[in-house]
Amino acid sequence: MKDLSDEQIAAAVVAGDTDAFAVLVSRYTARYARFAARMLGNREDGEEALQDAFVRAYRALGKRDGKSAFGPWFHAILMNQCRTTASRRANRQRLMVHDEVALERAVADEGPAAPAAGSEIEAAVAKLDPLQREVFLMKYVEGMSYEEIALITGVGVSALKMRVKRTADRLRELMGQGETA
């Protein structure tokens, strides 16, 4: 089963071989767990969003348009799940009292499992608008082409190039603020 293409495995799942979906999960977990954790700022929220995205993908597999490859299709589901998770978290945080010192200590205590904890670039990326963070991670961390990002996001290539430029400008601004503080 592991030698089959994603589309062949997806067809097997739709045909009733529910265990075949585990092969897709194992193929995509590491890459997309990293993406989700960076999108949401911590590993736990990223893992939860990834699990929810896999459940959504499993349920929607029979409705999937066979024209798009599984990877980009799943990435779009995951991005939407990350947005939903971030939105829910923002709503929860509005109801909570914020202690900035405790929050900084909690982030610092995540240890080596956190992606480049404490690095200046990670701190700046965390401050980006979610759409900017999304395109930055896809382009520069995941190494996707503009065409691949366009397939996933539904945004045109020229608009993506502008978003990447604005994101780079914003990162430079954020990194500059860190140097003068």
C-alpha atoms as a PDB file:
ATOM      1  CA  MET A   1       0.000   0.000   0.000  1.00  0.00           C
ATOM      2  CA  LYS A   2       2.895   2.363   0.763  1.00  0.00           C
ATOM      3  CA  ASP A   3       4.102   2.125  -2.837  1.00  0.00           C
ATOM      4  CA  LEU A   4       0.815   3.481  -4.191  1.00  0.00           C
ATOM      5  CA  SER A   5       0.264   7.119  -5.144  1.00  0.00           C
ATOM      6  CA  ASP A   6      -1.816   9.405  -2.944  1.00  0.00           C
ATOM      7  CA  GLU A   7      -4.633   9.265  -5.477  1.00  0.00           C
ATOM      8  CA  GLN A   8      -4.610   5.449  -5.518  1.00  0.00           C
ATOM      9  CA  ILE A   9      -4.725   5.352  -1.731  1.00  0.00           C
ATOM     10  CA  ALA A  10      -7.520   7.940  -1.644  1.00  0.00           C
ATOM     11  CA  ALA A  11      -9.491   5.819  -4.138  1.00  0.00           C
ATOM     12  CA  ALA A  12      -8.978   2.758  -1.923  1.00  0.00           C
ATOM     13  CA  VAL A  13     -10.275   4.674   1.105  1.00  0.00           C
ATOM     14  CA  VAL A  14     -13.338   5.869  -0.818  1.00  0.00           C
ATOM     15  CA  ALA A  15     -13.904   2.273  -1.974  1.00  0.00           C
ATOM     16  CA  GLY A  16     -14.075   1.145   1.658  1.00  0.00           C
ATOM     17  CA  ASP A  17     -10.490   0.416   2.746  1.00  0.00           C
ATOM     18  CA  THR A  18     -10.568   2.789   5.700  1.00  0.00           C
ATOM     19  CA  ASP A  19      -7.210   1.533   7.000  1.00  0.00           C
ATOM     20  CA  ALA A  20      -5.512   2.898   3.873  1.00  0.00           C
ATOM     21  CA  PHE A  21      -6.007   6.426   5.176  1.00  0.00           C
ATOM     22  CA  ALA A  22      -3.314   5.714   7.783  1.00  0.00           C
ATOM     23  CA  VAL A  23      -0.767   5.649   4.948  1.00  0.00           C
ATOM     24  CA  LEU A  24      -1.729   9.188   3.933  1.00  0.00           C
ATOM     25  CA  VAL A  25      -1.572  10.312   7.553  1.00  0.00           C
ATOM     26  CA  SER A  26       1.922   8.872   7.956  1.00  0.00           C
ATOM     27  CA  ARG A  27       3.088  10.507   4.701  1.00  0.00           C
ATOM     28  CA  TYR A  28       1.936  13.982   5.622  1.00  0.00           C
ATOM     29  CA  THR A  29       2.092  14.228   9.411  1.00  0.00           C
ATOM     30  CA  ALA A  30       5.673  15.446   9.895  1.00  0.00           C
ATOM     31  CA  ARG A  31       5.602  18.154   7.235  1.00  0.00           C
ATOM     32  CA  TYR A  32       2.188  19.487   8.101  1.00  0.00           C
ATOM     33  CA  ALA A  33       2.687  19.261  11.882  1.00  0.00           C
ATOM     34  CA  ARG A  34       5.634  21.624  11.472  1.00  0.00           C
ATOM     35  CA  PHE A  35       3.546  23.992   9.343  1.00  0.00           C
ATOM     36  CA  ALA A  36       0.580  23.986  11.761  1.00  0.00           C
ATOM     37  CA  ALA A  37       2.798  24.545  14.807  1.00  0.00           C
ATOM     38  CA  ARG A  38       4.445  27.529  13.146  1.00  0.00           C
ATOM     39  CA  MET A  39       1.099  28.923  12.003  1.00  0.00           C
ATOM     40  CA  LEU A  40      -0.387  28.691  15.491  1.00  0.00           C
ATOM     41  CA  GLY A  41       2.714  29.467  17.512  1.00  0.00           C
ATOM     42  CA  ASN A  42       2.904  26.256  19.529  1.00  0.00           C
ATOM     43  CA  ARG A  43       3.131  22.524  19.017  1.00  0.00           C
ATOM     44  CA  GLU A  44       0.001  21.545  20.975  1.00  0.00           C
ATOM     45  CA  ASP A  45      -2.366  23.788  19.013  1.00  0.00           C
ATOM     46  CA  GLY A  46      -0.655  22.693  15.804  1.00  0.00           C
ATOM     47  CA  GLU A  47      -1.129  19.007  16.599  1.00  0.00           C
ATOM     48  CA  GLU A  48      -4.780  19.567  17.455  1.00  0.00           C
ATOM     49  CA  ALA A  49      -5.394  21.490  14.231  1.00  0.00           C
ATOM     50  CA  LEU A  50      -3.604  18.777  12.239  1.00  0.00           C
ATOM     51  CA  GLN A  51      -5.724  16.018  13.778  1.00  0.00           C
ATOM     52  CA  ASP A  52      -8.901  17.971  13.090  1.00  0.00           C
ATOM     53  CA  ALA A  53      -7.757  18.568   9.503  1.00  0.00           C
ATOM     54  CA  PHE A  54      -7.122  14.852   8.969  1.00  0.00           C
ATOM     55  CA  VAL A  55     -10.605  14.066  10.278  1.00  0.00           C
ATOM     56  CA  ARG A  56     -12.126  16.666   7.948  1.00  0.00           C
ATOM     57  CA  ALA A  57     -10.103  15.318   5.017  1.00  0.00           C
ATOM     58  CA  TYR A  58     -11.199  11.766   5.738  1.00  0.00           C
ATOM     59  CA  ARG A  59     -14.854  12.799   5.809  1.00  0.00           C
ATOM     60  CA  ALA A  60     -14.526  14.834   2.599  1.00  0.00           C
ATOM     61  CA  LEU A  61     -12.359  12.392   0.656  1.00  0.00           C
ATOM     62  CA  GLY A  62     -15.297  11.047  -1.349  1.00  0.00           C
ATOM     63  CA  LYS A  63     -16.302  14.582  -2.372  1.00  0.00           C
ATOM     64  CA  ARG A  64     -12.770  15.567  -3.404  1.00  0.00           C
ATOM     65  CA  ASP A  65     -12.247  16.816  -6.918  1.00  0.00           C
ATOM     66  CA  GLY A  66      -9.935  14.256  -8.508  1.00  0.00           C
ATOM     67  CA  LYS A  67      -8.162  17.030 -10.467  1.00  0.00           C
ATOM     68  CA  SER A  68      -6.222  18.360  -7.497  1.00  0.00           C
ATOM     69  CA  ALA A  69      -3.453  16.351  -5.872  1.00  0.00           C
ATOM     70  CA  PHE A  70      -4.013  15.154  -2.319  1.00  0.00           C
ATOM     71  CA  GLY A  71      -1.145  17.219  -0.807  1.00  0.00           C
ATOM     72  CA  PRO A  72      -2.339  20.684  -1.897  1.00  0.00           C
ATOM     73  CA  TRP A  73      -5.968  19.724  -1.212  1.00  0.00           C
ATOM     74  CA  PHE A  74      -5.083  18.628   2.319  1.00  0.00           C
ATOM     75  CA  HIS A  75      -2.890  21.699   2.860  1.00  0.00           C
ATOM     76  CA  ALA A  76      -5.887  23.926   2.093  1.00  0.00           C
ATOM     77  CA  ILE A  77      -7.974  22.024   4.659  1.00  0.00           C
ATOM     78  CA  LEU A  78      -5.197  22.398   7.224  1.00  0.00           C
ATOM     79  CA  MET A  79      -4.832  26.131   6.549  1.00  0.00           C
ATOM     80  CA  ASN A  80      -8.549  26.620   7.116  1.00  0.00           C
ATOM     81  CA  GLN A  81      -8.351  24.578  10.315  1.00  0.00           C
ATOM     82  CA  CYS A  82      -5.417  26.694  11.524  1.00  0.00           C
ATOM     83  CA  ARG A  83      -7.433  29.841  10.838  1.00  0.00           C
ATOM     84  CA  THR A  84     -10.382  28.423  12.766  1.00  0.00           C
ATOM     85  CA  THR A  85      -8.162  27.381  15.670  1.00  0.00           C
ATOM     86  CA  ALA A  86      -6.472  30.806  15.764  1.00  0.00           C
ATOM     87  CA  SER A  87      -9.841  32.539  15.659  1.00  0.00           C
ATOM     88  CA  ARG A  88     -11.176  30.433  18.536  1.00  0.00           C
ATOM     89  CA  ARG A  89      -8.015  31.089  20.515  1.00  0.00           C
ATOM     90  CA  ALA A  90      -8.341  34.833  19.909  1.00  0.00           C
ATOM     91  CA  ASN A  91     -11.926  34.711  21.155  1.00  0.00           C
ATOM     92  CA  ARG A  92     -10.819  32.799  24.281  1.00  0.00           C
ATOM     93  CA  GLN A  93      -7.988  35.248  24.939  1.00  0.00           C
ATOM     94  CA  ARG A  94     -10.347  38.194  24.864  1.00  0.00           C
ATOM     95  CA  LEU A  95     -12.038  36.665  27.887  1.00  0.00           C
ATOM     96  CA  MET A  96      -8.806  36.091  29.815  1.00  0.00           C
ATOM     97  CA  VAL A  97      -6.617  38.412  31.866  1.00  0.00           C
ATOM     98  CA  HIS A  98      -3.218  38.726  30.221  1.00  0.00           C
ATOM     99  CA  ASP A  99      -0.006  38.521  32.213  1.00  0.00           C
ATOM    100  CA  GLU A 100       2.743  39.266  29.672  1.00  0.00           C
ATOM    101  CA  VAL A 101       5.545  38.045  31.967  1.00  0.00           C
ATOM    102  CA  ALA A 102       3.789  34.700  32.481  1.00  0.00           C
ATOM    103  CA  LEU A 103       3.120  34.369  28.749  1.00  0.00           C
ATOM    104  CA  GLU A 104       6.766  35.034  27.880  1.00  0.00           C
ATOM    105  CA  ARG A 105       7.887  32.529  30.523  1.00  0.00           C
ATOM    106  CA  ALA A 106       5.465  29.888  29.151  1.00  0.00           C
ATOM    107  CA  VAL A 107       6.785  30.332  25.611  1.00  0.00           C
ATOM    108  CA  ALA A 108      10.375  30.150  26.854  1.00  0.00           C
ATOM    109  CA  ASP A 109       9.578  26.984  28.850  1.00  0.00           C
ATOM    110  CA  GLU A 110       8.501  25.088  25.714  1.00  0.00           C
ATOM    111  CA  GLY A 111      12.120  24.044  25.345  1.00  0.00           C
ATOM    112  CA  PRO A 112      13.789  22.494  22.321  1.00  0.00           C
ATOM    113  CA  ALA A 113      10.561  21.096  20.848  1.00  0.00           C
ATOM    114  CA  ALA A 114       9.523  24.643  19.963  1.00  0.00           C
ATOM    115  CA  PRO A 115      10.827  25.673  16.539  1.00  0.00           C
ATOM    116  CA  ALA A 116      13.897  27.845  17.138  1.00  0.00           C
ATOM    117  CA  ALA A 117      12.551  29.061  20.485  1.00  0.00           C
ATOM    118  CA  GLY A 118      13.794  32.517  21.316  1.00  0.00           C
ATOM    119  CA  SER A 119      15.183  33.319  17.893  1.00  0.00           C
ATOM    120  CA  GLU A 120      14.625  36.807  16.616  1.00  0.00           C
ATOM    121  CA  ILE A 121      13.171  35.640  13.318  1.00  0.00           C
ATOM    122  CA  GLU A 122      10.684  33.283  15.001  1.00  0.00           C
ATOM    123  CA  ALA A 123       9.560  36.111  17.263  1.00  0.00           C
ATOM    124  CA  ALA A 124       9.088  38.388  14.267  1.00  0.00           C
ATOM    125  CA  VAL A 125       7.211  35.707  12.298  1.00  0.00           C
ATOM    126  CA  ALA A 126       4.904  35.165  15.272  1.00  0.00           C
ATOM    127  CA  LYS A 127       3.971  38.862  15.128  1.00  0.00           C
ATOM    128  CA  LEU A 128       2.937  38.706  11.470  1.00  0.00           C
ATOM    129  CA  ASP A 129      -0.681  38.876  10.403  1.00  0.00           C
ATOM    130  CA  PRO A 130      -1.947  35.269   9.904  1.00  0.00           C
ATOM    131  CA  LEU A 131      -2.186  35.644   6.104  1.00  0.00           C
ATOM    132  CA  GLN A 132       1.361  37.009   5.964  1.00  0.00           C
ATOM    133  CA  ARG A 133       2.628  34.223   8.253  1.00  0.00           C
ATOM    134  CA  GLU A 134       0.880  31.662   6.058  1.00  0.00           C
ATOM    135  CA  VAL A 135       2.514  32.837   2.828  1.00  0.00           C
ATOM    136  CA  PHE A 136       5.908  33.290   4.517  1.00  0.00           C
ATOM    137  CA  LEU A 137       5.886  29.737   5.871  1.00  0.00           C
ATOM    138  CA  MET A 138       4.755  28.221   2.601  1.00  0.00           C
ATOM    139  CA  LYS A 139       7.288  30.157   0.508  1.00  0.00           C
ATOM    140  CA  TYR A 140      10.382  30.243   2.695  1.00  0.00           C
ATOM    141  CA  VAL A 141      10.000  27.402   5.191  1.00  0.00           C
ATOM    142  CA  GLU A 142       8.162  24.794   3.123  1.00  0.00           C
ATOM    143  CA  GLY A 143       9.895  25.922  -0.097  1.00  0.00           C
ATOM    144  CA  MET A 144       6.733  25.984  -2.187  1.00  0.00           C
ATOM    145  CA  SER A 145       6.547  27.726  -5.532  1.00  0.00           C
ATOM    146  CA  TYR A 146       4.109  30.578  -6.124  1.00  0.00           C
ATOM    147  CA  GLU A 147       2.092  28.225  -8.330  1.00  0.00           C
ATOM    148  CA  GLU A 148       1.788  25.648  -5.527  1.00  0.00           C
ATOM    149  CA  ILE A 149       0.748  28.334  -3.047  1.00  0.00           C
ATOM    150  CA  ALA A 150      -1.813  29.640  -5.540  1.00  0.00           C
ATOM    151  CA  LEU A 151      -3.319  26.150  -5.863  1.00  0.00           C
ATOM    152  CA  ILE A 152      -3.679  25.861  -2.099  1.00  0.00           C
ATOM    153  CA  THR A 153      -4.870  29.365  -1.288  1.00  0.00           C
ATOM    154  CA  GLY A 154      -6.846  30.223  -4.407  1.00  0.00           C
ATOM    155  CA  VAL A 155      -4.975  33.543  -4.586  1.00  0.00           C
ATOM    156  CA  GLY A 156      -3.407  34.590  -7.899  1.00  0.00           C
ATOM    157  CA  VAL A 157       0.352  34.388  -8.391  1.00  0.00           C
ATOM    158  CA  SER A 158       0.793  38.166  -8.817  1.00  0.00           C
ATOM    159  CA  ALA A 159      -1.188  38.825  -5.640  1.00  0.00           C
ATOM    160  CA  LEU A 160       0.941  36.249  -3.808  1.00  0.00           C
ATOM    161  CA  LYS A 161       4.142  37.911  -4.988  1.00  0.00           C
ATOM    162  CA  MET A 162       2.884  41.217  -3.621  1.00  0.00           C
ATOM    163  CA  ARG A 163       1.893  39.554  -0.342  1.00  0.00           C
ATOM    164  CA  VAL A 164       5.371  38.007  -0.054  1.00  0.00           C
ATOM    165  CA  LYS A 165       6.989  41.400  -0.718  1.00  0.00           C
ATOM    166  CA  ARG A 166       4.817  43.090   1.909  1.00  0.00           C
ATOM    167  CA  THR A 167       5.537  40.263   4.340  1.00  0.00           C
ATOM    168  CA  ALA A 168       9.285  40.691   3.792  1.00  0.00           C
ATOM    169  CA  ASP A 169       8.944  44.437   4.342  1.00  0.00           C
ATOM    170  CA  ARG A 170       6.983  43.825   7.542  1.00  0.00           C
ATOM    171  CA  LEU A 171       9.570  41.316   8.789  1.00  0.00           C
ATOM    172  CA  ARG A 172      12.365  43.818   8.143  1.00  0.00           C
ATOM    173  CA  GLU A 173      10.392  46.392  10.107  1.00  0.00           C
ATOM    174  CA  LEU A 174       9.809  43.978  13.000  1.00  0.00           C
ATOM    175  CA  MET A 175      13.440  42.858  13.029  1.00  0.00           C
ATOM    176  CA  GLY A 176      14.587  46.495  12.986  1.00  0.00           C
ATOM    177  CA  GLN A 177      12.424  47.276  15.997  1.00  0.00           C
ATOM    178  CA  GLY A 178      14.047  44.413  17.864  1.00  0.00           C
ATOM    179  CA  GLU A 179      17.516  45.848  17.236  1.00  0.00           C
ATOM    180  CA  THR A 180      16.688  49.332  18.488  1.00  0.00           C
ATOM    181  CA  ALA A 181      14.827  48.233  21.621  1.00  0.00           C
END
